[in-house]
N, C-alpha and C. Protein backbone atom coordinates (compact mmCIF):
# COMPACT_ATOMS: atom_id res chain seq x y z
N LEU A 1 0.76 -1.30 -0.02
CA LEU A 1 0.04 0.12 0.08
C LEU A 1 0.85 1.40 0.24
N VAL A 2 1.83 1.20 1.02
CA VAL A 2 2.82 2.34 1.00
C VAL A 2 3.51 2.58 -0.49
N LEU A 3 3.79 1.70 -1.22
CA LEU A 3 4.37 1.67 -2.44
C LEU A 3 3.62 2.44 -3.49
N LEU A 4 2.41 1.77 -3.23
CA LEU A 4 1.30 2.56 -4.36
C LEU A 4 1.16 3.89 -3.91
N LEU A 5 0.91 4.18 -2.66
CA LEU A 5 0.63 5.97 -2.36
C LEU A 5 1.94 6.85 -2.30
N ALA A 6 2.91 6.28 -2.03
CA ALA A 6 4.30 7.27 -1.62
C ALA A 6 4.45 8.10 -2.76
N PRO A 7 4.48 7.57 -4.09
CA PRO A 7 4.73 8.54 -5.24
C PRO A 7 3.67 9.45 -5.54
N MET A 8 2.55 9.34 -5.06
CA MET A 8 1.57 10.37 -5.35
C MET A 8 1.33 11.60 -4.28
N LEU A 9 2.23 11.50 -2.97
CA LEU A 9 2.34 12.23 -2.11
C LEU A 9 3.62 13.43 -2.16
N SER A 10 3.18 14.54 -1.87
CA SER A 10 4.36 15.66 -2.42
C SER A 10 5.37 15.39 -1.35
N ASP A 11 5.06 14.56 -0.33
CA ASP A 11 6.70 14.41 0.70
C ASP A 11 7.09 13.06 0.23
N GLY A 12 6.64 12.59 -0.68
CA GLY A 12 7.44 11.14 -1.01
C GLY A 12 6.92 10.14 -0.43
N GLY A 13 5.92 10.26 0.47
CA GLY A 13 5.71 9.17 1.38
C GLY A 13 6.18 9.23 2.59
N GLN A 14 6.75 10.18 3.22
CA GLN A 14 7.27 10.34 4.34
C GLN A 14 6.13 10.34 5.63
N SER A 15 4.99 10.98 5.21
CA SER A 15 3.76 11.32 6.26
C SER A 15 3.61 9.80 6.46
N LEU A 16 3.43 8.72 5.62
CA LEU A 16 2.84 7.44 5.84
C LEU A 16 3.82 6.90 6.83
N SER A 17 4.80 7.22 7.15
CA SER A 17 5.54 6.64 8.27
C SER A 17 5.64 7.53 9.69
N ASN A 18 4.96 8.65 9.59
CA ASN A 18 4.90 9.62 10.75
C ASN A 18 3.57 9.25 11.52
N THR A 19 3.59 8.70 12.81
CA THR A 19 2.44 8.16 13.48
C THR A 19 1.55 9.07 13.83
N THR A 20 2.03 10.53 13.77
CA THR A 20 1.14 11.53 14.29
C THR A 20 0.41 12.61 12.98
N THR A 21 0.70 11.97 11.71
CA THR A 21 -0.24 12.49 10.71
C THR A 21 -1.47 11.57 10.12
N PRO A 22 -2.45 12.42 9.73
CA PRO A 22 -3.87 11.82 9.17
C PRO A 22 -3.43 10.70 8.12
N GLN A 23 -2.40 10.98 7.16
CA GLN A 23 -1.86 9.94 6.24
C GLN A 23 -1.61 8.56 6.80
N TYR A 24 -0.84 8.60 7.99
CA TYR A 24 -0.56 7.35 8.85
C TYR A 24 -1.68 6.69 8.95
N GLN A 25 -2.46 7.55 10.03
CA GLN A 25 -3.79 6.98 10.87
C GLN A 25 -4.58 6.49 9.33
N ALA A 26 -4.72 6.96 8.23
CA ALA A 26 -5.49 6.45 6.98
C ALA A 26 -5.11 5.10 6.59
N VAL A 27 -3.70 4.98 6.66
CA VAL A 27 -2.94 4.11 6.05
C VAL A 27 -3.23 2.68 6.98
N ILE A 28 -3.06 2.90 8.30
CA ILE A 28 -3.25 1.88 9.34
C ILE A 28 -4.86 1.46 9.35
N TRP A 29 -5.76 2.42 9.07
CA TRP A 29 -7.21 2.08 9.20
C TRP A 29 -7.42 1.18 7.92
N LEU A 30 -6.89 1.66 6.94
CA LEU A 30 -7.14 0.78 5.55
C LEU A 30 -6.40 -0.70 5.39
N LEU A 31 -5.29 -0.73 6.16
CA LEU A 31 -4.52 -2.05 6.27
C LEU A 31 -5.44 -3.01 7.18
N GLY A 32 -6.27 -2.45 8.19
CA GLY A 32 -7.05 -3.34 8.82
C GLY A 32 -8.61 -3.59 8.42
N ASN A 33 -8.67 -3.23 7.25
CA ASN A 33 -9.97 -3.30 6.62
C ASN A 33 -10.37 -4.83 6.17
N ALA A 34 -11.53 -5.22 6.72
CA ALA A 34 -11.70 -6.54 6.36
C ALA A 34 -11.66 -6.96 4.78
N ASN A 35 -12.00 -6.07 4.03
CA ASN A 35 -11.96 -6.15 2.48
C ASN A 35 -10.74 -5.42 1.86
N PHE A 36 -9.70 -5.29 2.47
CA PHE A 36 -8.57 -4.60 1.86
C PHE A 36 -8.08 -5.57 0.63
N ALA A 37 -8.15 -6.82 0.67
CA ALA A 37 -7.29 -7.81 -0.25
C ALA A 37 -8.25 -7.74 -1.45
N SER A 38 -9.57 -7.34 -1.61
CA SER A 38 -10.39 -7.12 -2.70
C SER A 38 -10.15 -6.03 -3.14
N TYR A 39 -9.84 -4.95 -2.80
CA TYR A 39 -9.86 -3.84 -3.62
C TYR A 39 -8.94 -3.46 -4.55
N SER A 40 -9.64 -2.93 -5.60
CA SER A 40 -8.42 -2.59 -6.69
C SER A 40 -7.78 -1.29 -6.37
N GLU A 41 -6.54 -1.20 -7.13
CA GLU A 41 -5.72 0.11 -6.75
C GLU A 41 -6.43 1.42 -6.57
N ALA A 42 -7.43 1.74 -7.67
CA ALA A 42 -8.34 2.78 -7.43
C ALA A 42 -9.28 2.98 -6.24
N ARG A 43 -9.56 1.87 -5.86
CA ARG A 43 -10.60 1.71 -4.65
C ARG A 43 -9.79 1.92 -3.64
N LEU A 44 -8.69 1.48 -3.32
CA LEU A 44 -7.59 1.72 -2.17
C LEU A 44 -7.26 3.18 -2.05
N ILE A 45 -6.92 3.72 -3.17
CA ILE A 45 -6.66 5.24 -3.43
C ILE A 45 -7.93 6.08 -2.73
N GLN A 46 -8.87 5.67 -3.51
CA GLN A 46 -10.26 6.46 -2.92
C GLN A 46 -10.46 6.45 -1.48
N ARG A 47 -10.41 5.00 -0.99
CA ARG A 47 -10.64 5.04 0.58
C ARG A 47 -9.48 5.42 1.32
N TYR A 48 -8.32 5.60 0.89
CA TYR A 48 -7.09 6.40 1.47
C TYR A 48 -7.46 7.81 1.56
N ALA A 49 -8.14 8.58 0.55
CA ALA A 49 -8.32 9.72 0.39
C ALA A 49 -9.15 10.08 1.39
N LEU A 50 -10.38 9.38 1.49
CA LEU A 50 -11.44 9.65 2.28
C LEU A 50 -11.23 9.47 3.90
N ALA A 51 -10.32 8.63 4.19
CA ALA A 51 -10.01 8.24 5.40
C ALA A 51 -8.86 9.51 5.87
N THR A 52 -7.89 9.88 4.87
CA THR A 52 -7.16 10.92 5.28
C THR A 52 -8.02 12.19 5.43
N PHE A 53 -8.88 12.37 4.71
CA PHE A 53 -9.90 13.74 5.10
C PHE A 53 -10.53 13.43 6.37
N TYR A 54 -11.12 12.37 6.65
CA TYR A 54 -11.90 12.10 8.06
C TYR A 54 -10.84 12.24 9.09
N TYR A 55 -9.42 12.02 9.02
CA TYR A 55 -8.45 12.19 10.34
C TYR A 55 -8.08 13.50 10.23
N ALA A 56 -7.84 14.15 9.20
CA ALA A 56 -7.33 15.61 8.92
C ALA A 56 -8.21 16.67 9.47
N THR A 57 -9.64 16.33 9.61
CA THR A 57 -10.65 17.20 10.04
C THR A 57 -11.11 16.87 11.19
N ASN A 58 -10.40 16.03 11.91
CA ASN A 58 -10.93 15.53 13.45
C ASN A 58 -12.18 14.83 13.12
N GLY A 59 -12.33 13.65 12.22
CA GLY A 59 -13.33 13.04 12.17
C GLY A 59 -14.27 12.27 13.20
N ASP A 60 -13.43 12.08 14.22
CA ASP A 60 -13.90 11.47 15.40
C ASP A 60 -14.87 12.71 16.19
N ASP A 61 -14.49 13.98 16.02
CA ASP A 61 -15.28 14.84 16.54
C ASP A 61 -16.55 15.32 16.00
N TRP A 62 -16.65 14.55 14.73
CA TRP A 62 -17.69 15.03 13.95
C TRP A 62 -18.93 13.81 13.83
N LEU A 63 -18.64 12.77 14.59
CA LEU A 63 -19.70 11.99 14.65
C LEU A 63 -20.01 10.95 13.74
N ALA A 64 -18.79 10.93 12.69
CA ALA A 64 -19.21 10.62 11.33
C ALA A 64 -19.31 9.04 11.19
N ARG A 65 -18.58 8.43 12.50
CA ARG A 65 -18.80 6.85 12.44
C ARG A 65 -20.15 6.48 12.50
N ILE A 66 -21.30 7.40 13.16
CA ILE A 66 -22.60 6.77 13.14
C ILE A 66 -23.27 6.92 11.86
N PHE A 67 -22.41 7.58 10.84
CA PHE A 67 -22.96 7.73 9.42
C PHE A 67 -22.49 6.85 8.51
N GLY A 68 -21.74 5.96 8.89
CA GLY A 68 -21.13 4.80 8.28
C GLY A 68 -19.47 5.17 7.81
N TRP A 69 -18.89 6.13 8.23
CA TRP A 69 -17.51 6.36 7.83
C TRP A 69 -16.63 5.51 8.56
N LEU A 70 -15.45 5.17 7.76
CA LEU A 70 -14.42 4.38 8.38
C LEU A 70 -15.20 2.74 8.84
N THR A 71 -15.96 2.61 7.86
CA THR A 71 -16.29 1.25 8.23
C THR A 71 -16.23 0.31 6.83
N ASP A 72 -16.43 -0.67 7.07
CA ASP A 72 -16.24 -1.81 5.87
C ASP A 72 -17.03 -1.76 4.90
N THR A 73 -18.13 -0.74 4.95
CA THR A 73 -19.25 -0.89 3.82
C THR A 73 -18.50 0.13 2.84
N ASN A 74 -19.15 0.07 1.64
CA ASN A 74 -18.88 0.65 0.53
C ASN A 74 -19.23 1.97 0.89
N GLU A 75 -18.05 2.71 0.44
CA GLU A 75 -18.02 4.25 0.66
C GLU A 75 -19.09 5.02 -0.20
N CYS A 76 -19.48 4.54 -1.37
CA CYS A 76 -20.39 4.90 -2.57
C CYS A 76 -21.73 4.95 -1.94
N SER A 77 -22.01 3.93 -0.98
CA SER A 77 -23.60 3.79 -0.68
C SER A 77 -23.70 3.70 0.79
N GLY A 78 -22.71 3.64 1.53
CA GLY A 78 -22.82 3.48 3.07
C GLY A 78 -22.00 4.65 4.00
N TRP A 79 -21.58 5.61 3.25
CA TRP A 79 -20.90 6.92 4.12
C TRP A 79 -21.90 7.98 3.76
N THR A 80 -22.42 8.27 4.66
CA THR A 80 -23.25 9.46 4.59
C THR A 80 -22.45 10.67 4.32
N GLY A 81 -23.00 11.49 3.07
CA GLY A 81 -22.38 12.92 2.51
C GLY A 81 -21.42 12.36 1.32
N VAL A 82 -21.27 10.94 1.13
CA VAL A 82 -20.35 10.83 0.08
C VAL A 82 -21.15 10.26 -1.27
N THR A 83 -20.95 10.86 -2.33
CA THR A 83 -21.75 10.19 -3.55
C THR A 83 -20.82 9.79 -4.52
N CYS A 84 -21.15 8.95 -5.43
CA CYS A 84 -20.25 8.42 -6.34
C CYS A 84 -20.99 8.48 -7.93
N ASN A 85 -20.36 8.42 -8.77
CA ASN A 85 -20.54 8.16 -10.21
C ASN A 85 -20.76 6.86 -10.59
N ALA A 86 -21.38 6.70 -11.68
CA ALA A 86 -21.76 4.85 -12.05
C ALA A 86 -20.53 4.12 -12.04
N GLU A 87 -19.49 4.66 -12.17
CA GLU A 87 -18.07 3.88 -12.17
C GLU A 87 -17.44 3.50 -10.74
N GLY A 88 -18.34 4.27 -9.83
CA GLY A 88 -18.07 4.03 -8.20
C GLY A 88 -16.90 5.06 -7.89
N PHE A 89 -16.67 5.99 -8.54
CA PHE A 89 -15.68 7.02 -8.01
C PHE A 89 -16.35 8.28 -7.50
N VAL A 90 -15.84 8.58 -6.30
CA VAL A 90 -16.47 9.89 -5.34
C VAL A 90 -16.56 11.12 -6.55
N ASN A 91 -17.54 11.69 -6.25
CA ASN A 91 -18.07 12.88 -6.94
C ASN A 91 -17.41 13.97 -6.21
N ALA A 92 -16.84 15.10 -6.96
CA ALA A 92 -16.41 16.19 -6.20
C ALA A 92 -17.70 17.35 -6.08
N THR A 93 -18.40 17.61 -5.08
CA THR A 93 -19.14 18.31 -5.15
C THR A 93 -19.34 19.17 -3.96
């Protein structure tokens, strides 16, 4: 996962090994996901981005977990406030 994500990050992936960053927290969460092995690369990146957003905005404080965030459910149908196109990619709205 780190090898997939590191080239996309402006810091070359350093934030993925710093335990205080939202990026690190998102990776740890994603690695523990029950469906991790079944996700395509695009889906891994999408879930990583959403989890990073969650941690960067103090998601634990905005009660998102009761709305499906950071669960094993599909982010396109089970995470409140997230909408996706027909291909399963998050819409930017």
